[in-house]
Amino acid sequence: MLSGIWYNPFMKTDNVFNKPIKKQFEFDEEVAVVFDDMLSRSVPFYDEAMKLTAHFASINVKEKERIYDLGCSTASLLLEIERRSNAAIRLIGIDNSSAMLEQASKKLHAFNSKIELCNGDILNYAYEEAAVICSNYTLQFVRPPVRADFVKKIYDALKPGGLFIFSEKVISKDKALNKQMIDTYYDYKKAQGYSEYEIVQKREALENVLIPYTEEENRRMLSDAGFSYCDSIFKWVNFETFIARK
């Protein structure tokens, strides 16, 4: 049964972009303390996509096998996988933001969790064989010149038959439709309480930092890396969750 994602007792309201921003988007302390609220209000049906990710991850891992979460932020997904799994598995979260990992550590302590956290670069991390690797809205922050090589590294780290489960913002090749998708998304954010000013501020902060691919480009990148199969398990307008099997 798909149930709720972990509630963060330390969560604060996202007001990061209600003032002038003079730098590009960073996962710093200011963002980290509001990140769970930011995700729930900025990513349509985020909880539902994470429940599905946790569900498929937990039913595809066996005793003593590993699951990695790349760009684990505050570890909400790993906590949900831990709650669902009956097996003694290793759950490892990797992030290069000390501020994010500090928030994650507080949550793990509050829930008496055995999840392992690592402050490291996901591009250069020495992965051990894993049953499942998760990446939620993380690939889009990896620069395009190295993104395909990184996905190949993920493929190499998976056991035969292992799964790569990831969510990404996607774009449409149809320019008119792509604009309509963006407008629909901004309407969603307004409905979540964000002002026009906050939306514009965040868009400008993310310019040239978040670089999404089309659905077809993501699938081609997976195929080129060697994945035998890829399917979509969730999509809302320009947000999509994929599962790829080695």
C-alpha atoms as a PDB file:
ATOM      1  CA  MET A   1       0.000   0.000   0.000  1.00  0.00           C
ATOM      2  CA  LEU A   2       1.342   3.431  -0.912  1.00  0.00           C
ATOM      3  CA  SER A   3       1.311   5.666   2.132  1.00  0.00           C
ATOM      4  CA  GLY A   4       2.658   9.064   3.069  1.00  0.00           C
ATOM      5  CA  ILE A   5       6.237  10.279   2.734  1.00  0.00           C
ATOM      6  CA  TRP A   6       8.113  11.182   5.928  1.00  0.00           C
ATOM      7  CA  TYR A   7       7.089  14.451   7.554  1.00  0.00           C
ATOM      8  CA  ASN A   8       9.975  16.746   8.473  1.00  0.00           C
ATOM      9  CA  PRO A   9       9.489  18.111  12.016  1.00  0.00           C
ATOM     10  CA  PHE A  10      12.209  20.712  11.353  1.00  0.00           C
ATOM     11  CA  MET A  11      10.683  22.090   8.134  1.00  0.00           C
ATOM     12  CA  LYS A  12      10.321  25.852   7.683  1.00  0.00           C
ATOM     13  CA  THR A  13       8.282  27.762   5.090  1.00  0.00           C
ATOM     14  CA  ASP A  14       9.993  28.593   1.801  1.00  0.00           C
ATOM     15  CA  ASN A  15      10.407  32.368   1.523  1.00  0.00           C
ATOM     16  CA  VAL A  16      13.834  32.280  -0.149  1.00  0.00           C
ATOM     17  CA  PHE A  17      12.786  34.089  -3.319  1.00  0.00           C
ATOM     18  CA  ASN A  18      10.553  36.795  -1.881  1.00  0.00           C
ATOM     19  CA  LYS A  19      13.538  39.171  -1.927  1.00  0.00           C
ATOM     20  CA  PRO A  20      16.087  40.131  -4.604  1.00  0.00           C
ATOM     21  CA  ILE A  21      18.502  37.292  -5.397  1.00  0.00           C
ATOM     22  CA  LYS A  22      22.023  38.322  -6.374  1.00  0.00           C
ATOM     23  CA  LYS A  23      23.461  34.861  -7.114  1.00  0.00           C
ATOM     24  CA  GLN A  24      22.656  31.677  -8.964  1.00  0.00           C
ATOM     25  CA  PHE A  25      20.695  28.966  -7.180  1.00  0.00           C
ATOM     26  CA  GLU A  26      22.706  27.054  -4.565  1.00  0.00           C
ATOM     27  CA  PHE A  27      21.817  24.284  -2.129  1.00  0.00           C
ATOM     28  CA  ASP A  28      23.078  26.395   0.773  1.00  0.00           C
ATOM     29  CA  GLU A  29      21.853  26.732   4.353  1.00  0.00           C
ATOM     30  CA  GLU A  30      19.094  29.184   3.415  1.00  0.00           C
ATOM     31  CA  VAL A  31      17.671  26.673   0.932  1.00  0.00           C
ATOM     32  CA  ALA A  32      18.321  23.592   3.071  1.00  0.00           C
ATOM     33  CA  VAL A  33      16.172  24.683   6.026  1.00  0.00           C
ATOM     34  CA  VAL A  34      13.140  25.208   3.760  1.00  0.00           C
ATOM     35  CA  PHE A  35      13.905  22.537   1.166  1.00  0.00           C
ATOM     36  CA  ASP A  36      11.179  20.049   2.081  1.00  0.00           C
ATOM     37  CA  ASP A  37       8.563  22.802   1.897  1.00  0.00           C
ATOM     38  CA  MET A  38      10.108  24.032  -1.361  1.00  0.00           C
ATOM     39  CA  LEU A  39       9.829  20.565  -2.901  1.00  0.00           C
ATOM     40  CA  SER A  40       6.274  19.935  -1.760  1.00  0.00           C
ATOM     41  CA  ARG A  41       5.101  23.293  -3.168  1.00  0.00           C
ATOM     42  CA  SER A  42       7.357  23.570  -6.238  1.00  0.00           C
ATOM     43  CA  VAL A  43       7.256  20.041  -7.665  1.00  0.00           C
ATOM     44  CA  PRO A  44       3.739  18.918  -8.635  1.00  0.00           C
ATOM     45  CA  PHE A  45       2.709  15.681  -6.901  1.00  0.00           C
ATOM     46  CA  TYR A  46       6.188  15.308  -5.433  1.00  0.00           C
ATOM     47  CA  ASP A  47       4.967  13.102  -2.571  1.00  0.00           C
ATOM     48  CA  GLU A  48       3.174  10.754  -4.961  1.00  0.00           C
ATOM     49  CA  ALA A  49       6.237  10.384  -7.194  1.00  0.00           C
ATOM     50  CA  MET A  50       8.445   9.697  -4.170  1.00  0.00           C
ATOM     51  CA  LYS A  51       5.989   7.126  -2.805  1.00  0.00           C
ATOM     52  CA  LEU A  52       6.168   5.310  -6.126  1.00  0.00           C
ATOM     53  CA  THR A  53       9.955   5.551  -6.153  1.00  0.00           C
ATOM     54  CA  ALA A  54      10.148   4.167  -2.607  1.00  0.00           C
ATOM     55  CA  HIS A  55       7.672   1.412  -3.464  1.00  0.00           C
ATOM     56  CA  PHE A  56       9.546   0.126  -6.504  1.00  0.00           C
ATOM     57  CA  ALA A  57      12.916   0.511  -4.788  1.00  0.00           C
ATOM     58  CA  SER A  58      11.839  -1.440  -1.706  1.00  0.00           C
ATOM     59  CA  ILE A  59      10.376  -4.375  -3.671  1.00  0.00           C
ATOM     60  CA  ASN A  60      13.475  -4.694  -5.846  1.00  0.00           C
ATOM     61  CA  VAL A  61      16.128  -5.013  -3.138  1.00  0.00           C
ATOM     62  CA  LYS A  62      17.174  -8.124  -1.212  1.00  0.00           C
ATOM     63  CA  GLU A  63      18.862  -8.769   2.117  1.00  0.00           C
ATOM     64  CA  LYS A  64      22.262  -7.035   2.471  1.00  0.00           C
ATOM     65  CA  GLU A  65      21.983  -5.243  -0.883  1.00  0.00           C
ATOM     66  CA  ARG A  66      22.528  -1.492  -1.360  1.00  0.00           C
ATOM     67  CA  ILE A  67      20.352   1.391  -2.427  1.00  0.00           C
ATOM     68  CA  TYR A  68      21.941   4.747  -3.206  1.00  0.00           C
ATOM     69  CA  ASP A  69      20.128   8.070  -3.353  1.00  0.00           C
ATOM     70  CA  LEU A  70      22.183  10.544  -5.388  1.00  0.00           C
ATOM     71  CA  GLY A  71      21.631  14.106  -4.257  1.00  0.00           C
ATOM     72  CA  CYS A  72      19.744  12.814  -1.236  1.00  0.00           C
ATOM     73  CA  SER A  73      19.069  16.325   0.190  1.00  0.00           C
ATOM     74  CA  THR A  74      17.228  15.843   3.516  1.00  0.00           C
ATOM     75  CA  ALA A  75      16.915  12.041   3.138  1.00  0.00           C
ATOM     76  CA  SER A  76      13.107  11.898   2.966  1.00  0.00           C
ATOM     77  CA  LEU A  77      13.116   9.275   0.207  1.00  0.00           C
ATOM     78  CA  LEU A  78      15.586   7.021   2.025  1.00  0.00           C
ATOM     79  CA  LEU A  79      13.534   7.240   5.211  1.00  0.00           C
ATOM     80  CA  GLU A  80      10.471   6.119   3.277  1.00  0.00           C
ATOM     81  CA  ILE A  81      12.369   3.202   1.701  1.00  0.00           C
ATOM     82  CA  GLU A  82      13.693   2.222   5.138  1.00  0.00           C
ATOM     83  CA  ARG A  83      10.171   2.259   6.548  1.00  0.00           C
ATOM     84  CA  ARG A  84       8.865   0.038   3.753  1.00  0.00           C
ATOM     85  CA  SER A  85      11.666  -2.519   3.622  1.00  0.00           C
ATOM     86  CA  ASN A  86      11.583  -5.645   5.776  1.00  0.00           C
ATOM     87  CA  ALA A  87      15.082  -6.702   4.702  1.00  0.00           C
ATOM     88  CA  ALA A  88      18.363  -5.662   6.338  1.00  0.00           C
ATOM     89  CA  ILE A  89      19.601  -3.463   3.516  1.00  0.00           C
ATOM     90  CA  ARG A  90      22.140  -0.639   3.257  1.00  0.00           C
ATOM     91  CA  LEU A  91      20.682   2.751   2.440  1.00  0.00           C
ATOM     92  CA  ILE A  92      23.259   5.347   1.423  1.00  0.00           C
ATOM     93  CA  GLY A  93      22.578   8.996   0.699  1.00  0.00           C
ATOM     94  CA  ILE A  94      25.162  11.119  -1.106  1.00  0.00           C
ATOM     95  CA  ASP A  95      25.101  14.903  -1.335  1.00  0.00           C
ATOM     96  CA  ASN A  96      27.735  17.607  -1.695  1.00  0.00           C
ATOM     97  CA  SER A  97      25.781  20.152   0.356  1.00  0.00           C
ATOM     98  CA  SER A  98      26.818  20.195   4.016  1.00  0.00           C
ATOM     99  CA  ALA A  99      23.723  22.236   4.813  1.00  0.00           C
ATOM    100  CA  MET A 100      21.441  19.590   3.293  1.00  0.00           C
ATOM    101  CA  LEU A 101      23.208  16.785   5.119  1.00  0.00           C
ATOM    102  CA  GLU A 102      22.881  18.671   8.402  1.00  0.00           C
ATOM    103  CA  GLN A 103      19.100  18.760   7.928  1.00  0.00           C
ATOM    104  CA  ALA A 104      19.146  15.083   6.918  1.00  0.00           C
ATOM    105  CA  SER A 105      21.137  14.144  10.039  1.00  0.00           C
ATOM    106  CA  LYS A 106      18.567  15.837  12.279  1.00  0.00           C
ATOM    107  CA  LYS A 107      15.775  13.826  10.668  1.00  0.00           C
ATOM    108  CA  LEU A 108      17.683  10.538  10.852  1.00  0.00           C
ATOM    109  CA  HIS A 109      18.362  11.123  14.537  1.00  0.00           C
ATOM    110  CA  ALA A 110      14.708  11.963  15.206  1.00  0.00           C
ATOM    111  CA  PHE A 111      13.559   8.743  13.523  1.00  0.00           C
ATOM    112  CA  ASN A 112      16.378   6.567  14.929  1.00  0.00           C
ATOM    113  CA  SER A 113      17.430   5.670  11.387  1.00  0.00           C
ATOM    114  CA  LYS A 114      20.388   3.552  10.245  1.00  0.00           C
ATOM    115  CA  ILE A 115      20.702   5.351   6.897  1.00  0.00           C
ATOM    116  CA  GLU A 116      24.279   6.267   5.958  1.00  0.00           C
ATOM    117  CA  LEU A 117      25.050   9.787   4.757  1.00  0.00           C
ATOM    118  CA  CYS A 118      28.070  10.768   2.704  1.00  0.00           C
ATOM    119  CA  ASN A 119      29.264  14.271   1.900  1.00  0.00           C
ATOM    120  CA  GLY A 120      30.670  13.711  -1.556  1.00  0.00           C
ATOM    121  CA  ASP A 121      30.580  14.421  -5.266  1.00  0.00           C
ATOM    122  CA  ILE A 122      28.193  12.008  -6.974  1.00  0.00           C
ATOM    123  CA  LEU A 123      30.210  12.311 -10.192  1.00  0.00           C
ATOM    124  CA  ASN A 124      33.407  11.002  -8.600  1.00  0.00           C
ATOM    125  CA  TYR A 125      32.059   8.746  -5.857  1.00  0.00           C
ATOM    126  CA  ALA A 126      33.419   5.173  -5.763  1.00  0.00           C
ATOM    127  CA  TYR A 127      30.156   3.221  -5.919  1.00  0.00           C
ATOM    128  CA  GLU A 128      29.889  -0.374  -4.778  1.00  0.00           C
ATOM    129  CA  GLU A 129      27.443  -2.734  -6.461  1.00  0.00           C
ATOM    130  CA  ALA A 130      23.850  -1.648  -5.841  1.00  0.00           C
ATOM    131  CA  ALA A 131      20.420  -3.167  -6.411  1.00  0.00           C
ATOM    132  CA  VAL A 132      18.798   0.235  -6.893  1.00  0.00           C
ATOM    133  CA  ILE A 133      20.096   3.731  -7.503  1.00  0.00           C
ATOM    134  CA  CYS A 134      17.727   6.674  -7.130  1.00  0.00           C
ATOM    135  CA  SER A 135      18.169  10.226  -8.370  1.00  0.00           C
ATOM    136  CA  ASN A 136      15.397  12.741  -7.907  1.00  0.00           C
ATOM    137  CA  TYR A 137      15.661  15.997  -9.863  1.00  0.00           C
ATOM    138  CA  THR A 138      19.448  15.680  -9.726  1.00  0.00           C
ATOM    139  CA  LEU A 139      20.566  14.825 -13.271  1.00  0.00           C
ATOM    140  CA  GLN A 140      19.224  18.161 -14.486  1.00  0.00           C
ATOM    141  CA  PHE A 141      21.914  19.872 -12.376  1.00  0.00           C
ATOM    142  CA  VAL A 142      24.715  17.780 -13.949  1.00  0.00           C
ATOM    143  CA  ARG A 143      26.333  19.684 -16.812  1.00  0.00           C
ATOM    144  CA  PRO A 144      25.341  18.208 -20.221  1.00  0.00           C
ATOM    145  CA  PRO A 145      28.959  17.510 -21.347  1.00  0.00           C
ATOM    146  CA  VAL A 146      29.380  14.985 -18.510  1.00  0.00           C
ATOM    147  CA  ARG A 147      25.788  13.843 -17.947  1.00  0.00           C
ATOM    148  CA  ALA A 148      25.905  10.850 -20.302  1.00  0.00           C
ATOM    149  CA  ASP A 149      29.173   9.628 -18.769  1.00  0.00           C
ATOM    150  CA  PHE A 150      27.630   9.937 -15.319  1.00  0.00           C
ATOM    151  CA  VAL A 151      24.624   7.828 -16.338  1.00  0.00           C
ATOM    152  CA  LYS A 152      27.057   5.214 -17.676  1.00  0.00           C
ATOM    153  CA  LYS A 153      28.756   5.247 -14.269  1.00  0.00           C
ATOM    154  CA  ILE A 154      25.392   4.610 -12.638  1.00  0.00           C
ATOM    155  CA  TYR A 155      24.788   1.720 -15.039  1.00  0.00           C
ATOM    156  CA  ASP A 156      28.171   0.192 -14.200  1.00  0.00           C
ATOM    157  CA  ALA A 157      27.448   0.391 -10.449  1.00  0.00           C
ATOM    158  CA  LEU A 158      24.195  -1.566 -10.681  1.00  0.00           C
ATOM    159  CA  LYS A 159      24.005  -5.322 -10.339  1.00  0.00           C
ATOM    160  CA  PRO A 160      22.629  -7.239 -13.361  1.00  0.00           C
ATOM    161  CA  GLY A 161      18.899  -6.535 -13.415  1.00  0.00           C
ATOM    162  CA  GLY A 162      19.341  -3.565 -11.073  1.00  0.00           C
ATOM    163  CA  LEU A 163      17.162  -0.468 -11.336  1.00  0.00           C
ATOM    164  CA  PHE A 164      17.868   3.211 -11.855  1.00  0.00           C
ATOM    165  CA  ILE A 165      14.816   5.176 -10.665  1.00  0.00           C
ATOM    166  CA  PHE A 166      14.927   8.900 -11.310  1.00  0.00           C
ATOM    167  CA  SER A 167      12.704  11.933 -11.626  1.00  0.00           C
ATOM    168  CA  GLU A 168      13.426  14.889 -13.876  1.00  0.00           C
ATOM    169  CA  LYS A 169      11.913  18.056 -15.179  1.00  0.00           C
ATOM    170  CA  VAL A 170      11.483  17.567 -18.934  1.00  0.00           C
ATOM    171  CA  ILE A 171      10.950  19.881 -21.878  1.00  0.00           C
ATOM    172  CA  SER A 172       8.976  19.487 -25.097  1.00  0.00           C
ATOM    173  CA  LYS A 173      10.484  19.748 -28.573  1.00  0.00           C
ATOM    174  CA  ASP A 174       7.303  21.549 -29.627  1.00  0.00           C
ATOM    175  CA  LYS A 175       7.998  25.183 -28.706  1.00  0.00           C
ATOM    176  CA  ALA A 176       4.359  26.191 -28.413  1.00  0.00           C
ATOM    177  CA  LEU A 177       3.520  23.198 -26.222  1.00  0.00           C
ATOM    178  CA  ASN A 178       6.637  23.721 -24.131  1.00  0.00           C
ATOM    179  CA  LYS A 179       5.574  27.305 -23.362  1.00  0.00           C
ATOM    180  CA  GLN A 180       2.093  26.101 -22.436  1.00  0.00           C
ATOM    181  CA  MET A 181       3.611  23.479 -20.146  1.00  0.00           C
ATOM    182  CA  ILE A 182       5.739  26.120 -18.426  1.00  0.00           C
ATOM    183  CA  ASP A 183       2.747  28.439 -18.042  1.00  0.00           C
ATOM    184  CA  THR A 184       0.703  25.565 -16.586  1.00  0.00           C
ATOM    185  CA  TYR A 185       3.488  24.867 -14.114  1.00  0.00           C
ATOM    186  CA  TYR A 186       3.684  28.514 -13.049  1.00  0.00           C
ATOM    187  CA  ASP A 187      -0.079  28.519 -12.496  1.00  0.00           C
ATOM    188  CA  TYR A 188       0.442  25.495 -10.254  1.00  0.00           C
ATOM    189  CA  LYS A 189       3.084  27.350  -8.236  1.00  0.00           C
ATOM    190  CA  LYS A 190       0.810  30.355  -7.832  1.00  0.00           C
ATOM    191  CA  ALA A 191      -1.873  28.018  -6.493  1.00  0.00           C
ATOM    192  CA  GLN A 192       0.663  26.830  -3.899  1.00  0.00           C
ATOM    193  CA  GLY A 193       1.063  30.369  -2.594  1.00  0.00           C
ATOM    194  CA  TYR A 194       4.091  31.583  -4.550  1.00  0.00           C
ATOM    195  CA  SER A 195       3.885  35.123  -5.895  1.00  0.00           C
ATOM    196  CA  GLU A 196       4.720  36.155  -9.442  1.00  0.00           C
ATOM    197  CA  TYR A 197       7.803  37.878  -8.032  1.00  0.00           C
ATOM    198  CA  GLU A 198       9.038  34.699  -6.289  1.00  0.00           C
ATOM    199  CA  ILE A 199       8.486  32.644  -9.437  1.00  0.00           C
ATOM    200  CA  VAL A 200      10.473  35.073 -11.592  1.00  0.00           C
ATOM    201  CA  GLN A 201      13.255  35.314  -9.006  1.00  0.00           C
ATOM    202  CA  LYS A 202      13.680  31.545  -8.810  1.00  0.00           C
ATOM    203  CA  ARG A 203      13.544  31.162 -12.598  1.00  0.00           C
ATOM    204  CA  GLU A 204      16.367  33.676 -12.965  1.00  0.00           C
ATOM    205  CA  ALA A 205      18.414  32.031 -10.189  1.00  0.00           C
ATOM    206  CA  LEU A 206      18.110  28.655 -11.933  1.00  0.00           C
ATOM    207  CA  GLU A 207      19.033  30.003 -15.384  1.00  0.00           C
ATOM    208  CA  ASN A 208      21.928  27.941 -16.790  1.00  0.00           C
ATOM    209  CA  VAL A 209      22.037  25.918 -13.539  1.00  0.00           C
ATOM    210  CA  LEU A 210      19.088  23.583 -14.127  1.00  0.00           C
ATOM    211  CA  ILE A 211      19.256  22.233 -17.689  1.00  0.00           C
ATOM    212  CA  PRO A 212      16.454  19.755 -18.484  1.00  0.00           C
ATOM    213  CA  TYR A 213      16.332  17.306 -21.397  1.00  0.00           C
ATOM    214  CA  THR A 214      13.367  16.115 -23.432  1.00  0.00           C
ATOM    215  CA  GLU A 215      11.871  12.736 -22.560  1.00  0.00           C
ATOM    216  CA  GLU A 216      13.426  11.341 -25.747  1.00  0.00           C
ATOM    217  CA  GLU A 217      16.879  12.662 -24.818  1.00  0.00           C
ATOM    218  CA  ASN A 218      16.660  11.041 -21.394  1.00  0.00           C
ATOM    219  CA  ARG A 219      15.625   7.712 -22.887  1.00  0.00           C
ATOM    220  CA  ARG A 220      18.383   7.857 -25.516  1.00  0.00           C
ATOM    221  CA  MET A 221      20.964   8.616 -22.837  1.00  0.00           C
ATOM    222  CA  LEU A 222      19.845   5.551 -20.880  1.00  0.00           C
ATOM    223  CA  SER A 223      19.927   3.335 -23.955  1.00  0.00           C
ATOM    224  CA  ASP A 224      23.390   4.573 -24.896  1.00  0.00           C
ATOM    225  CA  ALA A 225      24.608   3.772 -21.373  1.00  0.00           C
ATOM    226  CA  GLY A 226      23.479   0.175 -21.806  1.00  0.00           C
ATOM    227  CA  PHE A 227      20.141   0.017 -19.989  1.00  0.00           C
ATOM    228  CA  SER A 228      17.979  -2.697 -21.497  1.00  0.00           C
ATOM    229  CA  TYR A 229      14.629  -1.107 -20.732  1.00  0.00           C
ATOM    230  CA  CYS A 230      13.125   2.177 -19.576  1.00  0.00           C
ATOM    231  CA  ASP A 231       9.562   3.054 -18.651  1.00  0.00           C
ATOM    232  CA  SER A 232       7.749   6.034 -17.172  1.00  0.00           C
ATOM    233  CA  ILE A 233       5.830   5.422 -13.954  1.00  0.00           C
ATOM    234  CA  PHE A 234       4.600   8.953 -13.333  1.00  0.00           C
ATOM    235  CA  LYS A 235       4.199  12.183 -15.261  1.00  0.00           C
ATOM    236  CA  TRP A 236       2.561  15.543 -14.661  1.00  0.00           C
ATOM    237  CA  VAL A 237       3.011  17.999 -17.545  1.00  0.00           C
ATOM    238  CA  ASN A 238       6.793  18.596 -17.489  1.00  0.00           C
ATOM    239  CA  PHE A 239       7.744  16.459 -14.470  1.00  0.00           C
ATOM    240  CA  GLU A 240       8.422  12.753 -15.007  1.00  0.00           C
ATOM    241  CA  THR A 241       9.628   9.691 -13.099  1.00  0.00           C
ATOM    242  CA  PHE A 242      11.479   6.944 -14.965  1.00  0.00           C
ATOM    243  CA  ILE A 243      12.593   3.403 -14.194  1.00  0.00           C
ATOM    244  CA  ALA A 244      15.467   1.883 -16.173  1.00  0.00           C
ATOM    245  CA  ARG A 245      16.691  -1.699 -15.820  1.00  0.00           C
ATOM    246  CA  LYS A 246      20.234  -2.896 -16.363  1.00  0.00           C
END
